[in-house]
Amino acid sequence: VNVSESHAVVSGHDGRLALWNLATVAEVDILQPSRTEAGVNDAVFSPFKKNLLAVAYDSGSVVLWDIVKRTRLVTLPAHRAPATGVAFSVVNELLMCTVGLDKRLQFFDVDSHKLVKSVQSEAPLHSVAFAGDGFTVATGTS
């Protein structure tokens, strides 16, 4: 659910994203992945930009979508193995973090789409979340 609680997204292993309007409780569109982006592992809306959706795929890429224009903004080659989690900072509107089975924690600038920092873990990473301070990050492994 996005920050204005107007839209929700539902995804599946085929990579398609069903966009729902919560006011009308109707499916409004399907966001189609590229041929290499089957398998959605995580989808998160920005807490600052109600139209910005980040999606982590099995291909290792993380795609930023504009749900109002129904367009792909950028495909980030974030990981060398499946990307398994994505999170936005709750205080820094430019900061996004991704994790993957390649044992990497990646920080991106949302506007410039540039990699800001990469941290190597000892184990494959499955989930990520920012703490309320917007700077502390927790990751999960199996």
Protein backbone atom coordinates (compact mmCIF):
# COMPACT_ATOMS: atom_id res chain seq x y z
CA VAL A 1 0.00 0.00 0.00
CA ASN A 2 1.39 3.42 -0.93
CA VAL A 3 1.81 6.30 1.53
CA SER A 4 -1.48 7.98 0.55
CA GLU A 5 -3.27 4.61 0.85
CA SER A 6 -4.75 5.06 -2.64
CA HIS A 7 -3.07 2.09 -4.34
CA ALA A 8 -1.82 -1.39 -3.55
CA VAL A 9 0.20 -3.84 -5.62
CA VAL A 10 -0.07 -7.61 -5.79
CA SER A 11 2.61 -9.71 -7.46
CA GLY A 12 3.40 -13.27 -8.34
CA HIS A 13 6.19 -15.48 -9.59
CA ASP A 14 5.47 -14.55 -13.20
CA GLY A 15 6.77 -11.04 -12.45
CA ARG A 16 3.53 -9.25 -13.28
CA LEU A 17 2.37 -6.56 -10.87
CA ALA A 18 -1.38 -6.00 -10.47
CA LEU A 19 -2.06 -2.40 -9.47
CA TRP A 20 -5.25 -1.87 -7.43
CA ASN A 21 -7.12 1.35 -6.70
CA LEU A 22 -8.19 1.09 -3.06
CA ALA A 23 -10.97 3.70 -3.36
CA THR A 24 -12.79 1.70 -6.03
CA VAL A 25 -11.39 -1.70 -5.01
CA ALA A 26 -10.66 -2.40 -8.64
CA GLU A 27 -7.63 -3.60 -10.54
CA VAL A 28 -6.51 -0.64 -12.66
CA ASP A 29 -3.54 -2.01 -14.55
CA ILE A 30 -0.91 -4.70 -14.90
CA LEU A 31 2.73 -3.60 -14.86
CA GLN A 32 4.59 -5.99 -17.14
CA PRO A 33 8.14 -7.12 -16.33
CA SER A 34 10.82 -7.60 -18.94
CA ARG A 35 11.47 -11.17 -20.10
CA THR A 36 14.27 -11.60 -17.53
CA GLU A 37 12.27 -10.35 -14.54
CA ALA A 38 10.15 -13.32 -13.57
CA GLY A 39 9.79 -13.88 -9.86
CA VAL A 40 8.96 -10.93 -7.61
CA ASN A 41 10.51 -11.25 -4.16
CA ASP A 42 9.58 -7.89 -2.67
CA ALA A 43 7.65 -4.76 -3.64
CA VAL A 44 7.71 -1.59 -1.54
CA PHE A 45 6.27 1.91 -2.02
CA SER A 46 8.33 4.99 -1.14
CA PRO A 47 7.16 6.70 2.06
CA PHE A 48 7.76 10.09 0.37
CA LYS A 49 6.66 9.69 -3.24
CA LYS A 50 3.21 8.09 -3.46
CA ASN A 51 3.76 7.04 -7.08
CA LEU A 52 7.19 5.38 -6.59
CA LEU A 53 7.32 1.58 -6.30
CA ALA A 54 10.52 -0.49 -5.95
CA VAL A 55 10.42 -4.17 -6.93
CA ALA A 56 13.09 -6.85 -6.27
CA TYR A 57 13.25 -9.65 -8.86
CA ASP A 58 14.79 -13.13 -9.06
CA SER A 59 16.98 -11.81 -11.88
CA GLY A 60 18.88 -9.70 -9.33
CA SER A 61 17.50 -6.46 -10.68
CA VAL A 62 15.52 -3.89 -8.75
CA VAL A 63 13.08 -1.85 -10.82
CA LEU A 64 11.67 1.54 -9.88
CA TRP A 65 8.15 2.04 -11.27
CA ASP A 66 5.99 5.16 -11.53
CA ILE A 67 2.51 3.79 -10.81
CA VAL A 68 0.70 6.95 -11.96
CA LYS A 69 2.34 7.00 -15.39
CA ARG A 70 2.47 3.17 -15.41
CA THR A 71 6.09 3.29 -16.53
CA ARG A 72 9.40 1.78 -15.54
CA LEU A 73 11.74 4.56 -14.38
CA VAL A 74 14.94 2.56 -14.15
CA THR A 75 16.23 -0.99 -13.84
CA LEU A 76 19.07 -1.20 -11.33
CA PRO A 77 21.44 -4.16 -11.76
CA ALA A 78 21.57 -4.42 -7.99
CA HIS A 79 22.59 -8.06 -7.40
CA ARG A 80 24.40 -11.00 -9.01
CA ALA A 81 21.85 -13.43 -7.57
CA PRO A 82 18.15 -12.98 -6.78
CA ALA A 83 17.31 -9.63 -5.15
CA THR A 84 15.24 -10.59 -2.13
CA GLY A 85 14.41 -7.36 -0.32
CA VAL A 86 14.08 -3.63 -0.74
CA ALA A 87 13.42 -0.80 1.72
CA PHE A 88 13.23 2.98 1.68
CA SER A 89 14.60 5.18 4.43
CA VAL A 90 11.80 6.82 6.42
CA VAL A 91 13.74 10.07 6.92
CA ASN A 92 15.96 10.39 3.82
CA GLU A 93 13.77 10.50 0.69
CA LEU A 94 16.79 9.74 -1.52
CA LEU A 95 17.95 6.55 0.23
CA MET A 96 16.90 3.03 -0.77
CA CYS A 97 18.47 -0.25 0.33
CA THR A 98 18.38 -3.66 -1.37
CA VAL A 99 19.54 -7.13 -0.31
CA GLY A 100 20.10 -10.35 -2.19
CA LEU A 101 21.27 -13.92 -2.15
CA ASP A 102 24.67 -12.66 -3.38
CA LYS A 103 25.30 -11.64 0.28
CA ARG A 104 25.26 -7.94 -0.60
CA LEU A 105 23.53 -5.00 1.03
CA GLN A 106 23.30 -2.18 -1.53
CA PHE A 107 22.41 1.47 -0.91
CA PHE A 108 21.10 3.58 -3.82
CA ASP A 109 20.28 7.21 -4.41
CA VAL A 110 16.68 7.11 -5.64
CA ASP A 111 16.94 10.26 -7.78
CA SER A 112 20.31 9.71 -9.47
CA HIS A 113 19.89 5.88 -9.48
CA LYS A 114 23.52 5.55 -8.44
CA LEU A 115 24.98 3.00 -6.06
CA VAL A 116 26.05 4.86 -2.92
CA LYS A 117 27.45 2.02 -0.80
CA SER A 118 27.82 -1.75 -0.99
CA VAL A 119 28.33 -3.96 2.06
CA GLN A 120 29.28 -7.63 1.88
CA SER A 121 27.64 -10.04 4.34
CA GLU A 122 28.80 -13.49 5.46
CA ALA A 123 25.48 -15.11 4.46
CA PRO A 124 22.80 -14.68 1.79
CA LEU A 125 20.38 -11.91 2.75
CA HIS A 126 16.62 -12.42 2.60
CA SER A 127 15.05 -9.29 4.05
CA VAL A 128 15.80 -5.68 4.95
CA ALA A 129 14.16 -2.91 6.98
CA PHE A 130 15.08 0.57 8.09
CA ALA A 131 14.63 1.51 11.75
CA GLY A 132 12.56 4.56 12.65
CA ASP A 133 15.69 6.73 12.71
CA GLY A 134 15.98 6.20 8.94
CA PHE A 135 19.67 5.26 9.09
CA THR A 136 19.88 2.00 11.01
CA VAL A 137 19.26 -1.08 8.86
CA ALA A 138 18.33 -4.61 9.89
CA THR A 139 18.81 -7.57 7.55
CA GLY A 140 17.61 -11.14 7.78
CA THR A 141 19.27 -14.40 6.77
CA SER A 142 18.20 -18.02 6.90
